[in-house]
Amino acid sequence: MPALSKFELARIIGARALQLSYGAPPLIEVKPGESSIDVAKRELEAGIIPLVVLRA
């Protein structure tokens, strides 16, 4: 997979953080006091985020 641009990273993390804030189950263990953005970043780093980037 090619590297993601900073814009793609921001979009993916933001979209997943929004899902988490609306009650989607996290795919990793959440640490106390961790924000939905932190969880989304850790999911992306672990490679288990359930989103796909399609480039035209």
N, C-alpha and C. Protein backbone atom coordinates (compact mmCIF):
# COMPACT_ATOMS: atom_id res chain seq x y z
N MET A 1 0.85 -1.18 0.00
CA MET A 1 0.00 0.00 0.00
C MET A 1 0.89 1.24 0.00
N PRO A 2 0.61 2.20 -0.87
CA PRO A 2 1.40 3.44 -0.86
C PRO A 2 1.16 4.23 0.42
N ALA A 3 2.12 5.07 0.74
CA ALA A 3 1.99 5.91 1.94
C ALA A 3 0.80 6.85 1.80
N LEU A 4 0.17 7.15 2.91
CA LEU A 4 -0.97 8.07 2.90
C LEU A 4 -0.47 9.50 3.03
N SER A 5 -1.12 10.41 2.34
CA SER A 5 -0.76 11.82 2.46
C SER A 5 -1.29 12.34 3.80
N LYS A 6 -0.82 13.51 4.19
CA LYS A 6 -1.28 14.09 5.45
C LYS A 6 -2.78 14.39 5.41
N PHE A 7 -3.30 14.66 4.22
CA PHE A 7 -4.73 14.94 4.08
C PHE A 7 -5.54 13.66 4.25
N GLU A 8 -5.05 12.56 3.67
CA GLU A 8 -5.73 11.27 3.82
C GLU A 8 -5.68 10.81 5.27
N LEU A 9 -4.54 10.99 5.93
CA LEU A 9 -4.43 10.63 7.34
C LEU A 9 -5.44 11.40 8.19
N ALA A 10 -5.51 12.70 7.96
CA ALA A 10 -6.43 13.54 8.73
C ALA A 10 -7.88 13.12 8.48
N ARG A 11 -8.22 12.82 7.24
CA ARG A 11 -9.59 12.42 6.90
C ARG A 11 -9.95 11.09 7.53
N ILE A 12 -9.05 10.13 7.48
CA ILE A 12 -9.31 8.81 8.03
C ILE A 12 -9.42 8.87 9.55
N ILE A 13 -8.49 9.55 10.20
CA ILE A 13 -8.53 9.65 11.66
C ILE A 13 -9.78 10.40 12.10
N GLY A 14 -10.13 11.46 11.39
CA GLY A 14 -11.33 12.22 11.73
C GLY A 14 -12.61 11.42 11.56
N ALA A 15 -12.69 10.66 10.46
CA ALA A 15 -13.88 9.85 10.21
C ALA A 15 -14.03 8.76 11.26
N ARG A 16 -12.93 8.11 11.61
CA ARG A 16 -13.00 7.03 12.60
C ARG A 16 -13.29 7.60 14.00
N ALA A 17 -12.70 8.75 14.32
CA ALA A 17 -12.96 9.38 15.62
C ALA A 17 -14.44 9.75 15.74
N LEU A 18 -15.04 10.21 14.64
CA LEU A 18 -16.46 10.54 14.65
C LEU A 18 -17.29 9.28 14.89
N GLN A 19 -16.95 8.18 14.23
CA GLN A 19 -17.64 6.91 14.46
C GLN A 19 -17.56 6.51 15.92
N LEU A 20 -16.36 6.61 16.49
CA LEU A 20 -16.17 6.22 17.90
C LEU A 20 -16.97 7.12 18.83
N SER A 21 -17.02 8.41 18.54
CA SER A 21 -17.75 9.33 19.41
C SER A 21 -19.26 9.10 19.34
N TYR A 22 -19.72 8.51 18.23
CA TYR A 22 -21.15 8.17 18.10
C TYR A 22 -21.47 6.77 18.60
N GLY A 23 -20.49 6.10 19.21
CA GLY A 23 -20.76 4.84 19.86
C GLY A 23 -20.27 3.59 19.16
N ALA A 24 -19.50 3.72 18.08
CA ALA A 24 -18.95 2.54 17.42
C ALA A 24 -17.98 1.84 18.38
N PRO A 25 -17.96 0.52 18.37
CA PRO A 25 -17.06 -0.18 19.29
C PRO A 25 -15.61 -0.02 18.87
N PRO A 26 -14.72 0.32 19.81
CA PRO A 26 -13.30 0.41 19.48
C PRO A 26 -12.72 -0.97 19.19
N LEU A 27 -11.76 -1.03 18.29
CA LEU A 27 -11.15 -2.29 17.90
C LEU A 27 -9.86 -2.58 18.66
N ILE A 28 -9.51 -1.68 19.57
CA ILE A 28 -8.35 -1.87 20.44
C ILE A 28 -8.78 -1.53 21.86
N GLU A 29 -7.95 -1.88 22.82
CA GLU A 29 -8.28 -1.58 24.21
C GLU A 29 -8.10 -0.09 24.45
N VAL A 30 -9.11 0.54 25.03
CA VAL A 30 -9.09 1.98 25.28
C VAL A 30 -8.51 2.22 26.67
N LYS A 31 -7.53 3.13 26.72
CA LYS A 31 -6.91 3.49 27.99
C LYS A 31 -7.75 4.56 28.67
N PRO A 32 -7.75 4.61 30.00
CA PRO A 32 -8.53 5.63 30.71
C PRO A 32 -8.10 7.04 30.31
N GLY A 33 -9.08 7.89 30.04
CA GLY A 33 -8.81 9.27 29.70
C GLY A 33 -8.41 9.51 28.25
N GLU A 34 -8.46 8.47 27.42
CA GLU A 34 -8.05 8.58 26.03
C GLU A 34 -9.21 9.12 25.19
N SER A 35 -8.92 10.06 24.30
CA SER A 35 -9.96 10.64 23.45
C SER A 35 -10.23 9.74 22.25
N SER A 36 -11.33 10.01 21.56
CA SER A 36 -11.66 9.21 20.38
C SER A 36 -10.62 9.41 19.27
N ILE A 37 -9.99 10.58 19.22
CA ILE A 37 -8.94 10.83 18.24
C ILE A 37 -7.71 9.97 18.55
N ASP A 38 -7.36 9.87 19.83
CA ASP A 38 -6.22 9.02 20.22
C ASP A 38 -6.48 7.57 19.87
N VAL A 39 -7.70 7.10 20.11
CA VAL A 39 -8.05 5.72 19.79
C VAL A 39 -7.98 5.50 18.28
N ALA A 40 -8.50 6.44 17.51
CA ALA A 40 -8.46 6.33 16.04
C ALA A 40 -7.03 6.29 15.54
N LYS A 41 -6.15 7.11 16.10
CA LYS A 41 -4.74 7.11 15.70
C LYS A 41 -4.09 5.76 16.00
N ARG A 42 -4.37 5.22 17.19
CA ARG A 42 -3.77 3.93 17.55
C ARG A 42 -4.32 2.80 16.68
N GLU A 43 -5.59 2.86 16.32
CA GLU A 43 -6.16 1.87 15.41
C GLU A 43 -5.48 1.93 14.05
N LEU A 44 -5.25 3.14 13.56
CA LEU A 44 -4.60 3.31 12.27
C LEU A 44 -3.16 2.79 12.31
N GLU A 45 -2.44 3.10 13.38
CA GLU A 45 -1.06 2.62 13.53
C GLU A 45 -1.00 1.10 13.59
N ALA A 46 -2.02 0.49 14.21
CA ALA A 46 -2.08 -0.97 14.33
C ALA A 46 -2.53 -1.63 13.03
N GLY A 47 -3.05 -0.83 12.10
CA GLY A 47 -3.49 -1.37 10.82
C GLY A 47 -4.82 -2.08 10.87
N ILE A 48 -5.64 -1.77 11.87
CA ILE A 48 -6.93 -2.46 12.01
C ILE A 48 -8.12 -1.52 11.83
N ILE A 49 -7.86 -0.33 11.33
CA ILE A 49 -8.95 0.63 11.14
C ILE A 49 -9.84 0.15 9.99
N PRO A 50 -11.15 0.17 10.17
CA PRO A 50 -12.05 -0.40 9.15
C PRO A 50 -12.44 0.57 8.04
N LEU A 51 -11.48 1.30 7.51
CA LEU A 51 -11.74 2.26 6.44
C LEU A 51 -10.78 2.00 5.29
N VAL A 52 -11.21 2.35 4.08
CA VAL A 52 -10.40 2.12 2.87
C VAL A 52 -10.27 3.44 2.12
N VAL A 53 -9.09 3.69 1.56
CA VAL A 53 -8.86 4.89 0.76
C VAL A 53 -8.93 4.48 -0.71
N LEU A 54 -9.83 5.12 -1.45
CA LEU A 54 -9.94 4.89 -2.90
C LEU A 54 -9.43 6.14 -3.59
N ARG A 55 -8.48 5.95 -4.47
CA ARG A 55 -7.93 7.09 -5.23
C ARG A 55 -8.39 7.00 -6.65
N ALA A 56 -8.81 8.14 -7.18
CA ALA A 56 -9.32 8.17 -8.56
C ALA A 56 -8.21 8.29 -9.57
